[in-house]
Amino acid sequence: MSSYAFLQGQGLYGEAEEVLRQQLAIQSRQPSPQRMAALNNLGNVLRYLGKYAQAEEAYNHALLIANASFPKRVADSANIQINIAKVELHKGNYSEAERLCEKALNAIGMLVSPPGHLQHASFGLIHVRGKECLANTFRLQGKYLAAEQMMQEVVSSVAELKGPLSVEYSFMLNNLGMMHKYLGKHVEAASCYTKSLSILEASGSLHPLGLSNVYYNQAGVHHATGQHRKGIHSAKRALKLRLDLLGPAHPETALAYCMLAANLIGTNRLKHSVLFLSRAQQILSECFGPVHRDIAMIINHLGVIAFKQGDYLKAAERFREAFEMKTVCLGDKHPDLLLPILNIARTLAITDTQAAVKDKLEYFIDLAKASDSLHLPIAQIAIEMKARMT
């Protein structure tokens, strides 16, 4: 194992970046497979560190070498395109991420013979990475059923390629758990997270970032099922790992603060929640600017806090702000808009007329239909709420 790979596996991304930059400095600047690989690896480390602009620059340089000097190395080009797509996901450019994933998968498809059977394990893993990235793109676009179906295919492929006790399999199980959770399948999600965690703990290798992701997702399903004390425990574990690995100013650290705050809200520890949410919002604003889907999520949480404090006008203002920001980031037919709309309706039920509440719920149901989201648990809550009013 190279020193770079060892350092990355231990979560020592700053040290891995330094090793790769030293490699590039002593290499010839002439295009070569080694330079292409080093630039791609550097992009990976920079992406983990949250340096997305630098990561994209490294990937694009690697892709330029691959396309101009080694056009027959189709798998290398596809792998780099998938990595660029992951950067686009962080930036919120979901259409571009989808385009890059599709392009990479089509290229890898040229190496498949007969259809559905990959000639070489390395091609298979790149194909799996492309499908995983596309599944996450679908999830972020609100296409939850398509995301779940594709992720199930990925999990099956990884079990065949790497085995059901491999670290890679545990990572994909964790991702599948996310897809289940978005569809309200909390039992299935929790099962995926438990299996993923047990594989990682039994692997004998340190994969601290993978562990942090599982703890984070466990905290999410605990929050969704009202098990907030368990959620606080898991969120704290995720936060500690991310602080140690990524530092206090990383967007993934910000999301861990946000997850901890969400579960603290469930136990009415509101002052602590506001502190963590403010810290998360500051980090995300510095990384992505003041308008971002995760900042909208934070504003929605602040609305919940105001609602619990009995400040319904402030709560309504926060929920509307969250809705408007999500609309800017995601469009006007994304299922992520449903939560702030439902929260607005709940606030109107206290501060306004029944007619105003009914209008908001009808808007909610129309949006749920338009976004193919009537099957989601949140839609059923709104439908039942409207039924009680008639």
Protein backbone atom coordinates (compact mmCIF):
# COMPACT_ATOMS: atom_id res chain seq x y z
CA MET A 1 0.00 0.00 0.00
CA SER A 2 1.35 3.44 -0.91
CA SER A 3 2.02 6.01 1.81
CA TYR A 4 -0.77 8.16 0.33
CA ALA A 5 -3.29 5.30 0.47
CA PHE A 6 -2.28 4.42 4.05
CA LEU A 7 -2.65 8.02 5.22
CA GLN A 8 -6.00 8.42 3.50
CA GLY A 9 -7.23 5.15 5.02
CA GLN A 10 -6.34 6.48 8.47
CA GLY A 11 -8.19 9.71 7.79
CA LEU A 12 -4.96 11.74 7.73
CA TYR A 13 -6.01 13.79 4.73
CA GLY A 14 -3.73 16.77 5.32
CA GLU A 15 -0.69 14.49 5.43
CA ALA A 16 -1.93 12.59 2.35
CA GLU A 17 -2.28 15.89 0.47
CA GLU A 18 1.31 16.79 1.34
CA VAL A 19 2.62 13.40 0.11
CA LEU A 20 0.78 13.73 -3.20
CA ARG A 21 1.94 17.29 -3.78
CA GLN A 22 5.52 16.13 -3.17
CA GLN A 23 5.03 13.34 -5.71
CA LEU A 24 3.73 15.77 -8.31
CA ALA A 25 6.58 18.18 -7.64
CA ILE A 26 9.27 15.60 -8.40
CA GLN A 27 7.45 13.99 -11.34
CA SER A 28 8.08 15.10 -14.88
CA ARG A 29 5.41 17.53 -16.04
CA GLN A 30 5.03 15.49 -19.20
CA PRO A 31 1.68 13.63 -19.36
CA SER A 32 1.97 10.13 -17.94
CA PRO A 33 -0.33 7.56 -16.32
CA GLN A 34 1.50 8.16 -13.03
CA ARG A 35 0.88 11.92 -13.14
CA MET A 36 -2.75 11.38 -14.09
CA ALA A 37 -3.21 9.00 -11.15
CA ALA A 38 -1.49 11.36 -8.72
CA LEU A 39 -3.70 14.27 -9.80
CA ASN A 40 -6.83 12.13 -9.44
CA ASN A 41 -5.71 10.98 -5.99
CA LEU A 42 -4.98 14.58 -5.01
CA GLY A 43 -8.48 15.52 -6.10
CA ASN A 44 -9.89 12.80 -3.84
CA VAL A 45 -7.98 14.08 -0.81
CA LEU A 46 -8.92 17.70 -1.51
CA ARG A 47 -12.57 16.66 -1.84
CA TYR A 48 -12.45 14.91 1.54
CA LEU A 49 -10.93 18.09 2.98
CA GLY A 50 -13.80 20.17 1.60
CA LYS A 51 -11.52 22.05 -0.82
CA TYR A 52 -13.94 21.57 -3.69
CA ALA A 53 -12.59 24.15 -6.12
CA GLN A 54 -9.05 22.78 -5.78
CA ALA A 55 -10.34 19.22 -6.08
CA GLU A 56 -12.17 20.03 -9.30
CA GLU A 57 -9.04 21.68 -10.70
CA ALA A 58 -6.96 18.56 -9.96
CA TYR A 59 -9.60 16.26 -11.47
CA ASN A 60 -9.92 18.38 -14.61
CA HIS A 61 -6.14 18.33 -15.07
CA ALA A 62 -6.15 14.54 -14.69
CA LEU A 63 -9.03 14.23 -17.16
CA LEU A 64 -7.22 16.44 -19.66
CA ILE A 65 -4.22 14.10 -19.51
CA ALA A 66 -6.44 11.03 -19.87
CA ASN A 67 -8.37 12.35 -22.87
CA ALA A 68 -5.47 13.98 -24.71
CA SER A 69 -2.67 11.51 -24.11
CA PHE A 70 -4.31 8.19 -23.27
CA PRO A 71 -7.69 8.12 -25.07
CA LYS A 72 -7.83 4.32 -24.93
CA ARG A 73 -7.79 4.35 -21.12
CA VAL A 74 -11.56 4.63 -21.00
CA ALA A 75 -11.86 3.34 -17.44
CA ASP A 76 -9.49 6.00 -16.12
CA SER A 77 -11.47 8.79 -17.80
CA ALA A 78 -14.74 7.38 -16.46
CA ASN A 79 -13.35 7.15 -12.93
CA ILE A 80 -12.23 10.78 -13.01
CA GLN A 81 -15.60 11.91 -14.38
CA ILE A 82 -17.34 10.18 -11.46
CA ASN A 83 -15.08 12.06 -9.05
CA ILE A 84 -15.92 15.38 -10.73
CA ALA A 85 -19.60 14.46 -10.42
CA LYS A 86 -19.13 14.05 -6.66
CA VAL A 87 -17.74 17.59 -6.46
CA GLU A 88 -20.75 18.85 -8.43
CA LEU A 89 -23.05 17.19 -5.88
CA HIS A 90 -21.36 19.11 -3.06
CA LYS A 91 -21.83 22.32 -5.05
CA GLY A 92 -25.52 21.56 -5.67
CA ASN A 93 -25.13 21.12 -9.44
CA TYR A 94 -27.27 17.98 -9.64
CA SER A 95 -28.00 18.05 -13.37
CA GLU A 96 -24.30 18.30 -14.18
CA ALA A 97 -23.52 15.48 -11.74
CA GLU A 98 -26.15 13.30 -13.40
CA ARG A 99 -24.73 14.08 -16.87
CA LEU A 100 -21.21 13.15 -15.79
CA CYS A 101 -22.34 9.92 -14.13
CA GLU A 102 -24.32 8.88 -17.20
CA LYS A 103 -21.36 9.68 -19.45
CA ALA A 104 -19.00 7.61 -17.28
CA LEU A 105 -21.42 4.68 -17.07
CA ASN A 106 -21.91 4.69 -20.83
CA ALA A 107 -18.15 4.63 -21.33
CA ILE A 108 -17.71 1.74 -18.90
CA GLY A 109 -20.58 0.00 -20.68
CA MET A 110 -18.29 -0.29 -23.69
CA LEU A 111 -16.11 -2.60 -21.56
CA VAL A 112 -18.99 -4.89 -20.67
CA SER A 113 -19.26 -8.12 -22.63
CA PRO A 114 -21.71 -9.79 -22.70
CA PRO A 115 -24.16 -7.14 -21.46
CA GLY A 116 -24.39 -7.17 -17.69
CA HIS A 117 -21.08 -8.99 -17.17
CA LEU A 118 -17.94 -6.97 -16.47
CA GLN A 119 -14.76 -8.38 -17.96
CA HIS A 120 -12.47 -7.17 -15.18
CA ALA A 121 -13.03 -6.56 -11.46
CA SER A 122 -11.51 -3.07 -11.65
CA PHE A 123 -14.01 -2.10 -14.35
CA GLY A 124 -16.75 -3.52 -12.15
CA LEU A 125 -15.75 -1.33 -9.23
CA ILE A 126 -15.70 1.80 -11.40
CA HIS A 127 -19.13 0.83 -12.73
CA VAL A 128 -20.36 0.43 -9.16
CA ARG A 129 -18.91 3.81 -8.15
CA GLY A 130 -20.72 5.43 -11.06
CA LYS A 131 -24.03 3.87 -10.11
CA GLU A 132 -23.51 4.81 -6.46
CA CYS A 133 -22.86 8.42 -7.45
CA LEU A 134 -25.91 8.42 -9.73
CA ALA A 135 -28.05 6.96 -6.93
CA ASN A 136 -26.93 9.77 -4.60
CA THR A 137 -27.70 12.26 -7.37
CA PHE A 138 -31.22 10.85 -7.65
CA ARG A 139 -31.61 11.11 -3.86
CA LEU A 140 -30.56 14.75 -3.83
CA GLN A 141 -32.91 15.44 -6.75
CA GLY A 142 -35.76 13.96 -4.70
CA LYS A 143 -36.09 10.82 -6.86
CA TYR A 144 -36.10 8.57 -3.82
CA LEU A 145 -37.58 5.41 -5.34
CA ALA A 146 -35.13 5.47 -8.26
CA ALA A 147 -32.27 6.12 -5.81
CA GLU A 148 -33.27 3.17 -3.63
CA GLN A 149 -33.59 0.80 -6.59
CA MET A 150 -30.19 1.76 -7.99
CA MET A 151 -28.52 1.51 -4.59
CA GLN A 152 -29.93 -1.99 -4.10
CA GLU A 153 -28.29 -2.96 -7.40
CA VAL A 154 -25.02 -1.43 -6.20
CA VAL A 155 -25.10 -3.37 -2.93
CA SER A 156 -25.65 -6.64 -4.82
CA SER A 157 -22.79 -5.88 -7.20
CA VAL A 158 -20.36 -5.04 -4.40
CA ALA A 159 -21.29 -8.23 -2.55
CA GLU A 160 -20.32 -10.15 -5.69
CA LEU A 161 -17.16 -8.17 -6.45
CA LYS A 162 -15.73 -7.66 -2.96
CA GLY A 163 -17.73 -9.95 -0.68
CA PRO A 164 -20.45 -9.29 1.93
CA LEU A 165 -17.93 -8.74 4.73
CA SER A 166 -15.82 -6.18 2.88
CA VAL A 167 -15.39 -2.58 3.93
CA GLU A 168 -16.67 -1.51 0.50
CA TYR A 169 -19.86 -3.49 1.11
CA SER A 170 -20.35 -1.76 4.47
CA PHE A 171 -20.06 1.66 2.80
CA MET A 172 -22.73 0.74 0.25
CA LEU A 173 -25.02 -0.64 2.96
CA ASN A 174 -24.73 2.69 4.72
CA ASN A 175 -25.77 4.46 1.52
CA LEU A 176 -28.69 2.08 1.01
CA GLY A 177 -29.80 2.87 4.55
CA MET A 178 -30.00 6.55 3.57
CA MET A 179 -32.26 5.69 0.63
CA HIS A 180 -34.55 3.66 2.91
CA LYS A 181 -34.66 6.49 5.45
CA TYR A 182 -35.78 9.06 2.88
CA LEU A 183 -38.67 6.74 1.98
CA GLY A 184 -39.67 6.41 5.63
CA LYS A 185 -38.43 2.80 5.87
CA HIS A 186 -36.80 3.38 9.21
CA VAL A 187 -36.52 -0.26 10.29
CA GLU A 188 -34.75 -1.17 7.05
CA ALA A 189 -32.50 1.89 7.35
CA ALA A 190 -31.51 1.06 10.93
CA SER A 191 -30.75 -2.52 9.90
CA CYS A 192 -28.42 -1.32 7.13
CA TYR A 193 -26.59 1.00 9.52
CA THR A 194 -26.19 -1.74 12.15
CA LYS A 195 -24.78 -4.20 9.59
CA SER A 196 -22.49 -1.55 8.14
CA LEU A 197 -21.15 -0.66 11.57
CA SER A 198 -20.55 -4.28 12.54
CA ILE A 199 -18.54 -4.90 9.34
CA LEU A 200 -16.42 -1.81 9.93
CA GLU A 201 -15.78 -2.71 13.57
CA ALA A 202 -14.86 -6.31 12.66
CA SER A 203 -12.65 -5.37 9.71
CA GLY A 204 -9.61 -4.73 11.86
CA SER A 205 -8.86 -1.64 9.76
CA LEU A 206 -9.43 1.93 10.75
CA HIS A 207 -11.97 3.70 8.56
CA PRO A 208 -12.80 6.69 10.75
CA LEU A 209 -14.61 8.72 8.09
CA GLY A 210 -16.76 5.71 7.20
CA LEU A 211 -17.57 5.25 10.89
CA SER A 212 -18.51 8.91 11.23
CA ASN A 213 -20.91 8.60 8.29
CA VAL A 214 -22.66 5.59 9.82
CA TYR A 215 -22.97 7.29 13.22
CA TYR A 216 -24.35 10.39 11.48
CA ASN A 217 -26.96 8.39 9.63
CA GLN A 218 -27.88 6.44 12.75
CA ALA A 219 -28.51 9.76 14.46
CA GLY A 220 -30.77 10.71 11.54
CA VAL A 221 -32.96 7.63 11.83
CA HIS A 222 -33.10 8.05 15.64
CA HIS A 223 -34.31 11.62 15.07
CA ALA A 224 -36.92 10.48 12.55
CA THR A 225 -38.29 7.87 14.97
CA GLY A 226 -38.26 10.13 18.04
CA GLN A 227 -35.39 8.33 19.79
CA HIS A 228 -33.61 11.59 20.44
CA ARG A 229 -31.36 10.50 23.30
CA LYS A 230 -29.93 7.73 21.13
CA GLY A 231 -29.66 10.28 18.35
CA ILE A 232 -27.65 12.62 20.56
CA HIS A 233 -25.24 9.81 21.39
CA SER A 234 -24.71 8.86 17.72
CA ALA A 235 -24.45 12.49 16.60
CA LYS A 236 -21.79 13.22 19.22
CA ARG A 237 -19.73 10.26 17.99
CA ALA A 238 -20.02 11.48 14.40
CA LEU A 239 -19.13 15.03 15.41
CA LYS A 240 -16.04 13.98 17.39
CA LEU A 241 -14.68 11.95 14.48
CA ARG A 242 -15.32 14.73 11.98
CA LEU A 243 -13.70 17.34 14.20
CA ASP A 244 -10.64 15.12 14.55
CA LEU A 245 -10.48 14.15 10.87
CA LEU A 246 -11.76 17.18 9.01
CA GLY A 247 -11.46 20.07 11.42
CA PRO A 248 -13.98 22.59 12.77
CA ALA A 249 -14.56 24.46 9.49
CA HIS A 250 -15.51 21.52 7.22
CA PRO A 251 -19.05 21.31 5.78
CA GLU A 252 -19.39 17.68 6.97
CA THR A 253 -18.55 18.87 10.49
CA ALA A 254 -21.27 21.51 10.10
CA LEU A 255 -23.80 18.81 9.22
CA ALA A 256 -22.79 16.85 12.34
CA TYR A 257 -23.43 19.97 14.45
CA CYS A 258 -26.81 20.26 12.75
CA MET A 259 -27.70 16.62 13.41
CA LEU A 260 -26.76 17.00 17.07
CA ALA A 261 -28.90 20.13 17.30
CA ALA A 262 -31.90 18.42 15.67
CA ASN A 263 -31.85 15.66 18.29
CA LEU A 264 -31.29 18.16 21.11
CA ILE A 265 -34.42 20.00 19.94
CA GLY A 266 -36.29 16.73 20.47
CA THR A 267 -35.26 16.79 24.14
CA ASN A 268 -36.10 20.53 24.44
CA ARG A 269 -32.47 21.56 24.97
CA LEU A 270 -33.11 24.59 22.83
CA LYS A 271 -30.28 26.93 23.88
CA HIS A 272 -27.64 24.35 23.02
CA SER A 273 -29.44 23.67 19.73
CA VAL A 274 -29.34 27.32 18.70
CA LEU A 275 -25.62 27.47 19.46
CA PHE A 276 -24.84 24.42 17.31
CA LEU A 277 -27.12 25.53 14.48
CA SER A 278 -25.52 28.97 14.39
CA ARG A 279 -22.08 27.38 14.22
CA ALA A 280 -23.21 25.07 11.40
CA GLN A 281 -24.75 27.94 9.44
CA GLN A 282 -21.58 29.99 9.69
CA ILE A 283 -19.43 27.10 8.41
CA LEU A 284 -21.74 26.33 5.50
CA SER A 285 -22.06 30.00 4.54
CA GLU A 286 -18.28 30.31 4.40
CA CYS A 287 -18.05 27.16 2.22
CA PHE A 288 -20.99 27.66 -0.14
CA GLY A 289 -22.35 31.17 0.35
CA PRO A 290 -25.55 32.24 2.13
CA VAL A 291 -27.95 30.23 -0.06
CA HIS A 292 -27.67 26.44 0.16
CA ARG A 293 -30.08 23.55 0.75
CA ASP A 294 -28.39 22.63 4.06
CA ILE A 295 -28.62 26.23 5.28
CA ALA A 296 -32.34 26.05 4.49
CA MET A 297 -32.51 22.93 6.68
CA ILE A 298 -30.87 24.87 9.53
CA ILE A 299 -33.35 27.73 9.15
CA ASN A 300 -36.21 25.21 9.32
CA HIS A 301 -34.76 23.84 12.60
CA LEU A 302 -34.61 27.41 13.95
CA GLY A 303 -38.28 27.69 13.06
CA VAL A 304 -39.04 24.56 15.08
CA ILE A 305 -37.21 26.09 18.05
CA ALA A 306 -39.24 29.30 17.77
CA PHE A 307 -42.44 27.21 17.53
CA LYS A 308 -41.54 25.29 20.69
CA GLN A 309 -40.86 28.61 22.44
CA GLY A 310 -44.32 29.86 21.47
CA ASP A 311 -43.04 32.55 19.10
CA TYR A 312 -45.31 31.56 16.21
CA LEU A 313 -44.75 34.66 14.10
CA LYS A 314 -40.99 34.09 14.17
CA ALA A 315 -41.52 30.39 13.48
CA ALA A 316 -43.67 31.15 10.43
CA GLU A 317 -41.04 33.59 9.18
CA ARG A 318 -38.30 30.96 9.52
CA PHE A 319 -40.37 28.27 7.79
CA ARG A 320 -41.16 30.61 4.88
CA GLU A 321 -37.48 31.55 4.60
CA ALA A 322 -36.52 27.87 4.53
CA PHE A 323 -39.15 27.17 1.87
CA GLU A 324 -38.00 30.05 -0.33
CA MET A 325 -34.32 29.08 -0.06
CA LYS A 326 -35.07 25.44 -0.88
CA THR A 327 -37.09 26.57 -3.89
CA VAL A 328 -34.10 28.58 -5.15
CA CYS A 329 -31.74 25.63 -4.62
CA LEU A 330 -33.94 22.74 -5.68
CA GLY A 331 -36.72 24.11 -7.89
CA ASP A 332 -40.42 24.30 -7.13
CA LYS A 333 -41.29 20.58 -7.39
CA HIS A 334 -38.78 18.97 -5.02
CA PRO A 335 -40.10 16.83 -2.12
CA ASP A 336 -37.74 18.62 0.31
CA LEU A 337 -40.15 21.56 0.06
CA LEU A 338 -42.85 19.53 1.80
CA LEU A 339 -41.45 19.86 5.34
CA PRO A 340 -41.37 23.67 5.54
CA ILE A 341 -44.84 23.81 3.94
CA LEU A 342 -46.22 21.41 6.53
CA ASN A 343 -44.56 23.43 9.30
CA ILE A 344 -46.14 26.61 7.93
CA ALA A 345 -49.53 24.87 7.99
CA ARG A 346 -49.00 23.78 11.60
CA THR A 347 -48.15 27.34 12.55
CA LEU A 348 -51.18 28.72 10.71
CA ALA A 349 -53.35 26.28 12.65
CA ILE A 350 -52.47 28.31 15.76
CA THR A 351 -52.24 31.85 14.36
CA ASP A 352 -54.65 31.99 11.42
CA THR A 353 -57.99 30.80 10.12
CA GLN A 354 -58.94 27.26 9.25
CA ALA A 355 -59.31 28.36 5.64
CA ALA A 356 -55.67 29.51 5.55
CA VAL A 357 -54.53 26.17 6.94
CA LYS A 358 -56.65 24.28 4.43
CA ASP A 359 -55.23 26.32 1.54
CA LYS A 360 -51.68 25.55 2.64
CA LEU A 361 -52.42 21.84 2.98
CA GLU A 362 -54.01 21.74 -0.47
CA TYR A 363 -50.86 23.38 -1.84
CA PHE A 364 -48.82 20.73 -0.01
CA ILE A 365 -50.85 17.89 -1.53
CA ASP A 366 -50.60 19.38 -5.03
CA LEU A 367 -46.82 19.58 -4.63
CA ALA A 368 -46.66 16.01 -3.31
CA LYS A 369 -48.51 14.85 -6.42
CA ALA A 370 -46.29 16.92 -8.74
CA SER A 371 -43.12 15.53 -7.13
CA ASP A 372 -44.45 11.94 -7.03
CA SER A 373 -44.22 12.02 -3.24
CA LEU A 374 -47.67 11.02 -2.00
CA HIS A 375 -46.17 7.73 -0.78
CA LEU A 376 -43.85 9.52 1.68
CA PRO A 377 -44.79 9.48 5.39
CA ILE A 378 -44.79 13.30 5.55
CA ALA A 379 -47.47 13.39 2.83
CA GLN A 380 -49.67 11.05 4.85
CA ILE A 381 -49.37 13.40 7.85
CA ALA A 382 -50.62 16.32 5.75
CA ILE A 383 -53.45 14.27 4.21
CA GLU A 384 -54.62 13.15 7.66
CA MET A 385 -54.38 16.71 9.00
CA LYS A 386 -56.54 17.97 6.13
CA ALA A 387 -59.03 15.13 6.62
CA ARG A 388 -59.52 16.12 10.27
CA MET A 389 -60.55 19.61 9.14
CA THR A 390 -63.43 18.41 6.96
